[in-house]
Amino acid sequence: MAHLGTDAAVAISNADSGYTDIGNVRSIDFGDSHDFAESTNNDSGGRKEGLLANSQVNLSISFVYDKSDAGQLELQQAHEAKSANWFRVRTQEDTGEREARFQGLITAYNVPNQNGTVVEATATIVSTGAITYADQ
């Protein structure tokens, strides 16, 4: 079922429980990718052969910056501390929809100075382990 992008939500936690929503999320780019490991047994007629190897989740979010938002503050503090945190991504805020949970590191956190406009901040998170999918 199609849904509006504004239905998506991201939350952060220092353990896999007690999540705090990151407020004012405007967009989410959530991807799960695999490394490609080249392999061959020399019977492929000169063509590359390969296997899917390690997986990694990449999450980019943009949000309207609000220094009083508890989730945004936790995100900023985790980035400054270089600590691994847990993240929950929900593509739609309805019961029965899927959610993803994983531990990750915040590789980038940016709050640009835009005079006279709403400040839209961004963060990039990369997973450090397995991802779990479950119904909400």
N, C-alpha and C. Protein backbone atom coordinates (compact mmCIF):
# COMPACT_ATOMS: atom_id res chain seq x y z
N MET A 1 0.84 -1.18 0.00
CA MET A 1 0.00 0.00 0.00
C MET A 1 0.88 1.24 0.00
N ALA A 2 0.58 2.16 -0.85
CA ALA A 2 1.33 3.42 -0.91
C ALA A 2 0.99 4.28 0.30
N HIS A 3 1.95 5.08 0.72
CA HIS A 3 1.71 5.99 1.84
C HIS A 3 2.52 7.25 1.64
N LEU A 4 2.18 8.28 2.33
CA LEU A 4 2.90 9.54 2.27
C LEU A 4 4.23 9.41 2.99
N GLY A 5 5.26 10.04 2.45
CA GLY A 5 6.57 10.00 3.07
C GLY A 5 6.58 10.56 4.47
N THR A 6 5.65 11.45 4.78
CA THR A 6 5.61 12.05 6.11
C THR A 6 5.15 11.05 7.17
N ASP A 7 4.69 9.87 6.74
CA ASP A 7 4.26 8.85 7.70
C ASP A 7 5.45 8.15 8.35
N ALA A 8 6.64 8.25 7.77
CA ALA A 8 7.82 7.55 8.26
C ALA A 8 8.35 8.20 9.55
N ALA A 9 9.01 7.37 10.37
CA ALA A 9 9.54 7.86 11.64
C ALA A 9 10.86 7.16 11.96
N VAL A 10 11.75 7.89 12.62
CA VAL A 10 13.02 7.34 13.08
C VAL A 10 13.14 7.63 14.56
N ALA A 11 13.64 6.64 15.31
CA ALA A 11 13.84 6.82 16.74
C ALA A 11 15.23 6.31 17.12
N ILE A 12 15.75 6.80 18.24
CA ILE A 12 17.09 6.47 18.69
C ILE A 12 17.04 5.99 20.14
N SER A 13 17.97 5.09 20.51
CA SER A 13 18.06 4.58 21.87
C SER A 13 19.49 4.14 22.14
N ASN A 14 19.91 4.16 23.40
CA ASN A 14 21.24 3.64 23.72
C ASN A 14 21.20 2.14 24.03
N ALA A 15 20.00 1.57 24.01
CA ALA A 15 19.79 0.12 24.13
C ALA A 15 18.63 -0.21 23.20
N ASP A 16 18.40 -1.48 22.95
CA ASP A 16 17.33 -1.85 22.03
C ASP A 16 15.97 -1.81 22.73
N SER A 17 15.70 -0.71 23.41
CA SER A 17 14.42 -0.49 24.09
C SER A 17 14.35 0.98 24.50
N GLY A 18 13.18 1.45 24.86
CA GLY A 18 13.04 2.83 25.32
C GLY A 18 13.45 3.86 24.27
N TYR A 19 12.96 3.69 23.05
CA TYR A 19 13.33 4.58 21.95
C TYR A 19 12.73 5.98 22.11
N THR A 20 13.49 6.99 21.65
CA THR A 20 13.03 8.37 21.62
C THR A 20 12.91 8.79 20.16
N ASP A 21 11.71 9.23 19.76
CA ASP A 21 11.50 9.67 18.38
C ASP A 21 12.34 10.90 18.07
N ILE A 22 12.92 10.93 16.88
CA ILE A 22 13.61 12.11 16.39
C ILE A 22 12.53 12.98 15.74
N GLY A 23 12.31 14.15 16.30
CA GLY A 23 11.20 15.00 15.87
C GLY A 23 11.44 15.72 14.56
N ASN A 24 10.34 16.11 13.93
CA ASN A 24 10.34 16.95 12.73
C ASN A 24 11.08 16.34 11.54
N VAL A 25 11.04 15.00 11.42
CA VAL A 25 11.70 14.34 10.30
C VAL A 25 11.00 14.71 9.00
N ARG A 26 11.78 15.15 8.02
CA ARG A 26 11.24 15.55 6.72
C ARG A 26 11.41 14.47 5.67
N SER A 27 12.56 13.78 5.70
CA SER A 27 12.77 12.72 4.71
C SER A 27 13.69 11.65 5.28
N ILE A 28 13.52 10.45 4.73
CA ILE A 28 14.31 9.29 5.14
C ILE A 28 14.77 8.59 3.87
N ASP A 29 16.05 8.24 3.82
CA ASP A 29 16.60 7.39 2.76
C ASP A 29 17.20 6.18 3.46
N PHE A 30 16.51 5.05 3.34
CA PHE A 30 16.86 3.84 4.08
C PHE A 30 17.20 2.74 3.09
N GLY A 31 18.42 2.22 3.18
CA GLY A 31 18.83 1.17 2.25
C GLY A 31 19.61 0.07 2.95
N ASP A 32 19.45 -1.13 2.46
CA ASP A 32 20.15 -2.31 2.97
C ASP A 32 20.90 -2.90 1.79
N SER A 33 22.23 -2.86 1.82
CA SER A 33 23.01 -3.30 0.67
C SER A 33 23.96 -4.43 1.05
N HIS A 34 24.42 -5.16 0.03
CA HIS A 34 25.35 -6.27 0.21
C HIS A 34 26.64 -5.99 -0.56
N ASP A 35 27.76 -6.42 0.01
CA ASP A 35 29.01 -6.38 -0.73
C ASP A 35 28.99 -7.49 -1.78
N PHE A 36 29.69 -7.28 -2.87
CA PHE A 36 29.81 -8.28 -3.93
C PHE A 36 31.23 -8.84 -3.88
N ALA A 37 31.35 -10.12 -3.57
CA ALA A 37 32.66 -10.77 -3.51
C ALA A 37 32.89 -11.55 -4.79
N GLU A 38 33.95 -11.18 -5.52
CA GLU A 38 34.25 -11.89 -6.76
C GLU A 38 34.81 -13.27 -6.45
N SER A 39 34.37 -14.21 -7.23
CA SER A 39 34.86 -15.58 -7.10
C SER A 39 34.76 -16.24 -8.47
N THR A 40 35.54 -17.26 -8.68
CA THR A 40 35.44 -18.00 -9.93
C THR A 40 35.98 -19.40 -9.71
N ASN A 41 35.48 -20.32 -10.51
CA ASN A 41 36.02 -21.68 -10.52
C ASN A 41 36.59 -21.99 -11.91
N ASN A 42 36.85 -20.90 -12.65
CA ASN A 42 37.48 -20.97 -13.98
C ASN A 42 36.65 -21.70 -15.02
N ASP A 43 35.35 -21.82 -14.82
CA ASP A 43 34.51 -22.45 -15.84
C ASP A 43 33.41 -21.49 -16.31
N SER A 44 33.64 -20.20 -16.15
CA SER A 44 32.61 -19.22 -16.49
C SER A 44 32.84 -18.56 -17.84
N GLY A 45 33.71 -19.11 -18.66
CA GLY A 45 33.93 -18.57 -19.99
C GLY A 45 34.47 -17.15 -19.98
N GLY A 46 35.28 -16.81 -19.00
CA GLY A 46 35.85 -15.47 -18.92
C GLY A 46 34.94 -14.44 -18.27
N ARG A 47 33.79 -14.86 -17.80
CA ARG A 47 32.86 -13.96 -17.12
C ARG A 47 33.12 -13.97 -15.62
N LYS A 48 32.92 -12.81 -15.01
CA LYS A 48 33.05 -12.73 -13.55
C LYS A 48 31.94 -13.54 -12.89
N GLU A 49 32.27 -14.14 -11.79
CA GLU A 49 31.30 -14.80 -10.93
C GLU A 49 31.41 -14.16 -9.56
N GLY A 50 30.36 -14.25 -8.80
CA GLY A 50 30.42 -13.63 -7.49
C GLY A 50 29.41 -14.17 -6.51
N LEU A 51 29.56 -13.75 -5.29
CA LEU A 51 28.67 -14.09 -4.19
C LEU A 51 28.31 -12.82 -3.44
N LEU A 52 27.11 -12.79 -2.89
CA LEU A 52 26.75 -11.68 -2.01
C LEU A 52 27.39 -11.93 -0.66
N ALA A 53 28.04 -10.91 -0.14
CA ALA A 53 28.79 -11.05 1.10
C ALA A 53 28.14 -10.23 2.21
N ASN A 54 28.93 -9.51 2.95
CA ASN A 54 28.45 -8.74 4.10
C ASN A 54 27.39 -7.72 3.71
N SER A 55 26.45 -7.50 4.62
CA SER A 55 25.38 -6.52 4.42
C SER A 55 25.61 -5.32 5.31
N GLN A 56 25.02 -4.20 4.90
CA GLN A 56 25.12 -2.99 5.71
C GLN A 56 23.91 -2.10 5.44
N VAL A 57 23.38 -1.53 6.51
CA VAL A 57 22.27 -0.59 6.40
C VAL A 57 22.84 0.83 6.35
N ASN A 58 22.30 1.64 5.45
CA ASN A 58 22.63 3.06 5.38
C ASN A 58 21.34 3.84 5.56
N LEU A 59 21.35 4.78 6.48
CA LEU A 59 20.17 5.59 6.78
C LEU A 59 20.57 7.06 6.75
N SER A 60 19.89 7.82 5.91
CA SER A 60 20.08 9.27 5.87
C SER A 60 18.74 9.91 6.21
N ILE A 61 18.77 10.87 7.11
CA ILE A 61 17.54 11.57 7.48
C ILE A 61 17.76 13.07 7.41
N SER A 62 16.71 13.78 7.09
CA SER A 62 16.73 15.24 7.21
C SER A 62 15.57 15.63 8.10
N PHE A 63 15.77 16.67 8.86
CA PHE A 63 14.77 17.09 9.83
C PHE A 63 14.89 18.58 10.09
N VAL A 64 13.76 19.18 10.46
CA VAL A 64 13.76 20.59 10.84
C VAL A 64 14.42 20.67 12.23
N TYR A 65 15.52 21.40 12.30
CA TYR A 65 16.30 21.46 13.53
C TYR A 65 15.51 22.14 14.65
N ASP A 66 15.53 21.49 15.82
CA ASP A 66 14.87 22.02 17.01
C ASP A 66 15.72 21.61 18.21
N LYS A 67 16.46 22.55 18.78
CA LYS A 67 17.38 22.22 19.86
C LYS A 67 16.68 21.71 21.11
N SER A 68 15.35 21.87 21.21
CA SER A 68 14.62 21.38 22.38
C SER A 68 14.04 19.98 22.16
N ASP A 69 14.22 19.40 20.96
CA ASP A 69 13.69 18.07 20.67
C ASP A 69 14.60 17.01 21.30
N ALA A 70 14.04 16.15 22.14
CA ALA A 70 14.83 15.15 22.87
C ALA A 70 15.52 14.16 21.94
N GLY A 71 14.87 13.72 20.89
CA GLY A 71 15.47 12.78 19.95
C GLY A 71 16.63 13.41 19.18
N GLN A 72 16.45 14.66 18.75
CA GLN A 72 17.52 15.35 18.04
C GLN A 72 18.73 15.57 18.95
N LEU A 73 18.46 15.89 20.22
CA LEU A 73 19.54 16.09 21.19
C LEU A 73 20.31 14.78 21.41
N GLU A 74 19.58 13.67 21.54
CA GLU A 74 20.24 12.37 21.73
C GLU A 74 21.08 12.02 20.50
N LEU A 75 20.56 12.31 19.31
CA LEU A 75 21.30 12.07 18.06
C LEU A 75 22.60 12.89 18.04
N GLN A 76 22.50 14.15 18.38
CA GLN A 76 23.68 15.03 18.39
C GLN A 76 24.70 14.55 19.41
N GLN A 77 24.26 14.19 20.61
CA GLN A 77 25.17 13.74 21.66
C GLN A 77 25.85 12.43 21.28
N ALA A 78 25.11 11.51 20.63
CA ALA A 78 25.69 10.25 20.19
C ALA A 78 26.75 10.48 19.13
N HIS A 79 26.51 11.45 18.23
CA HIS A 79 27.50 11.78 17.22
C HIS A 79 28.77 12.34 17.85
N GLU A 80 28.60 13.26 18.79
CA GLU A 80 29.75 13.87 19.46
C GLU A 80 30.56 12.84 20.25
N ALA A 81 29.86 11.86 20.86
CA ALA A 81 30.52 10.84 21.66
C ALA A 81 31.09 9.70 20.81
N LYS A 82 30.75 9.68 19.51
CA LYS A 82 31.17 8.61 18.61
C LYS A 82 30.71 7.25 19.13
N SER A 83 29.52 7.21 19.71
CA SER A 83 29.00 5.98 20.30
C SER A 83 28.02 5.28 19.36
N ALA A 84 27.99 3.96 19.45
CA ALA A 84 27.02 3.17 18.71
C ALA A 84 25.68 3.27 19.44
N ASN A 85 24.63 3.50 18.70
CA ASN A 85 23.28 3.58 19.27
C ASN A 85 22.36 2.67 18.47
N TRP A 86 21.17 2.45 19.02
CA TRP A 86 20.15 1.67 18.33
C TRP A 86 19.21 2.61 17.61
N PHE A 87 18.75 2.18 16.45
CA PHE A 87 17.83 2.97 15.64
C PHE A 87 16.64 2.13 15.24
N ARG A 88 15.48 2.76 15.24
CA ARG A 88 14.23 2.12 14.80
C ARG A 88 13.67 2.95 13.66
N VAL A 89 13.41 2.30 12.54
CA VAL A 89 12.86 2.98 11.37
C VAL A 89 11.50 2.38 11.08
N ARG A 90 10.49 3.22 11.06
CA ARG A 90 9.13 2.81 10.70
C ARG A 90 8.73 3.54 9.44
N THR A 91 8.35 2.78 8.43
CA THR A 91 7.97 3.41 7.17
C THR A 91 6.59 4.00 7.22
N GLN A 92 5.80 3.57 8.19
CA GLN A 92 4.46 4.14 8.35
C GLN A 92 4.05 3.97 9.81
N GLU A 93 3.46 4.99 10.40
CA GLU A 93 3.08 4.96 11.81
C GLU A 93 1.71 4.32 12.01
N ASP A 94 1.57 3.09 11.54
CA ASP A 94 0.32 2.34 11.72
C ASP A 94 0.64 0.98 12.30
N THR A 95 -0.22 0.48 13.16
CA THR A 95 -0.07 -0.85 13.70
C THR A 95 -0.12 -1.86 12.56
N GLY A 96 0.73 -2.87 12.62
CA GLY A 96 0.76 -3.90 11.60
C GLY A 96 1.77 -3.63 10.49
N GLU A 97 2.35 -2.43 10.45
CA GLU A 97 3.36 -2.12 9.45
C GLU A 97 4.72 -2.65 9.93
N ARG A 98 5.65 -2.78 9.01
CA ARG A 98 6.98 -3.28 9.33
C ARG A 98 7.86 -2.17 9.93
N GLU A 99 8.78 -2.59 10.78
CA GLU A 99 9.78 -1.68 11.29
C GLU A 99 11.13 -2.39 11.25
N ALA A 100 12.19 -1.61 11.17
CA ALA A 100 13.55 -2.13 11.17
C ALA A 100 14.27 -1.60 12.40
N ARG A 101 15.07 -2.47 13.03
CA ARG A 101 15.89 -2.07 14.17
C ARG A 101 17.31 -2.52 13.93
N PHE A 102 18.26 -1.63 14.25
CA PHE A 102 19.67 -1.98 14.08
C PHE A 102 20.52 -1.06 14.93
N GLN A 103 21.75 -1.52 15.21
CA GLN A 103 22.71 -0.69 15.91
C GLN A 103 23.57 0.00 14.86
N GLY A 104 23.86 1.28 15.07
CA GLY A 104 24.62 2.00 14.07
C GLY A 104 25.45 3.13 14.64
N LEU A 105 26.30 3.66 13.77
CA LEU A 105 27.15 4.80 14.10
C LEU A 105 26.74 5.99 13.24
N ILE A 106 26.75 7.15 13.82
CA ILE A 106 26.39 8.38 13.11
C ILE A 106 27.67 8.90 12.46
N THR A 107 27.77 8.72 11.15
CA THR A 107 28.99 9.09 10.43
C THR A 107 29.00 10.56 10.03
N ALA A 108 27.81 11.18 9.98
CA ALA A 108 27.74 12.60 9.63
C ALA A 108 26.54 13.24 10.33
N TYR A 109 26.72 14.47 10.78
CA TYR A 109 25.66 15.24 11.43
C TYR A 109 25.88 16.69 11.02
N ASN A 110 24.91 17.30 10.37
CA ASN A 110 25.11 18.63 9.82
C ASN A 110 23.91 19.54 10.13
N VAL A 111 24.19 20.67 10.74
CA VAL A 111 23.18 21.69 10.99
C VAL A 111 23.68 22.97 10.31
N PRO A 112 23.24 23.24 9.08
CA PRO A 112 23.73 24.42 8.37
C PRO A 112 23.15 25.71 8.95
N ASN A 113 23.88 26.80 8.76
CA ASN A 113 23.42 28.11 9.20
C ASN A 113 22.73 28.78 8.02
N GLN A 114 21.41 28.81 8.06
CA GLN A 114 20.64 29.42 6.98
C GLN A 114 19.88 30.61 7.54
N ASN A 115 20.44 31.78 7.36
CA ASN A 115 19.83 32.99 7.90
C ASN A 115 18.43 33.22 7.36
N GLY A 116 17.50 33.46 8.25
CA GLY A 116 16.14 33.82 7.87
C GLY A 116 15.29 32.70 7.33
N THR A 117 15.76 31.44 7.44
CA THR A 117 14.96 30.32 6.95
C THR A 117 14.88 29.23 8.01
N VAL A 118 14.00 28.28 7.78
CA VAL A 118 13.92 27.11 8.64
C VAL A 118 15.18 26.28 8.42
N VAL A 119 15.84 25.90 9.49
CA VAL A 119 17.08 25.14 9.38
C VAL A 119 16.75 23.66 9.24
N GLU A 120 17.18 23.07 8.12
CA GLU A 120 16.97 21.65 7.90
C GLU A 120 18.30 20.94 8.10
N ALA A 121 18.39 20.14 9.15
CA ALA A 121 19.60 19.41 9.50
C ALA A 121 19.57 18.02 8.87
N THR A 122 20.74 17.39 8.78
CA THR A 122 20.83 16.04 8.23
C THR A 122 21.74 15.18 9.09
N ALA A 123 21.51 13.88 9.01
CA ALA A 123 22.36 12.92 9.69
C ALA A 123 22.45 11.67 8.83
N THR A 124 23.61 11.02 8.88
CA THR A 124 23.84 9.77 8.17
C THR A 124 24.28 8.71 9.18
N ILE A 125 23.63 7.57 9.12
CA ILE A 125 23.89 6.49 10.06
C ILE A 125 24.23 5.23 9.27
N VAL A 126 25.26 4.49 9.72
CA VAL A 126 25.67 3.25 9.09
C VAL A 126 25.60 2.15 10.14
N SER A 127 25.03 1.00 9.77
CA SER A 127 24.86 -0.09 10.72
C SER A 127 26.18 -0.73 11.12
N THR A 128 26.21 -1.30 12.32
CA THR A 128 27.39 -2.01 12.82
C THR A 128 27.09 -3.48 13.08
N GLY A 129 25.92 -3.95 12.73
CA GLY A 129 25.58 -5.35 12.97
C GLY A 129 24.34 -5.74 12.21
N ALA A 130 23.68 -6.74 12.72
CA ALA A 130 22.50 -7.28 12.06
C ALA A 130 21.33 -6.31 12.12
N ILE A 131 20.41 -6.48 11.18
CA ILE A 131 19.18 -5.70 11.18
C ILE A 131 18.02 -6.66 11.45
N THR A 132 17.07 -6.19 12.23
CA THR A 132 15.91 -7.01 12.57
C THR A 132 14.66 -6.33 12.02
N TYR A 133 13.85 -7.07 11.30
CA TYR A 133 12.58 -6.59 10.79
C TYR A 133 11.46 -7.25 11.59
N ALA A 134 10.46 -6.46 11.96
CA ALA A 134 9.34 -7.00 12.74
C ALA A 134 8.11 -6.16 12.48
N ASP A 135 6.94 -6.70 12.80
CA ASP A 135 5.71 -5.93 12.74
C ASP A 135 5.64 -5.02 13.96
N GLN A 136 5.05 -3.84 13.77
CA GLN A 136 4.89 -2.88 14.88
C GLN A 136 3.90 -3.40 15.89
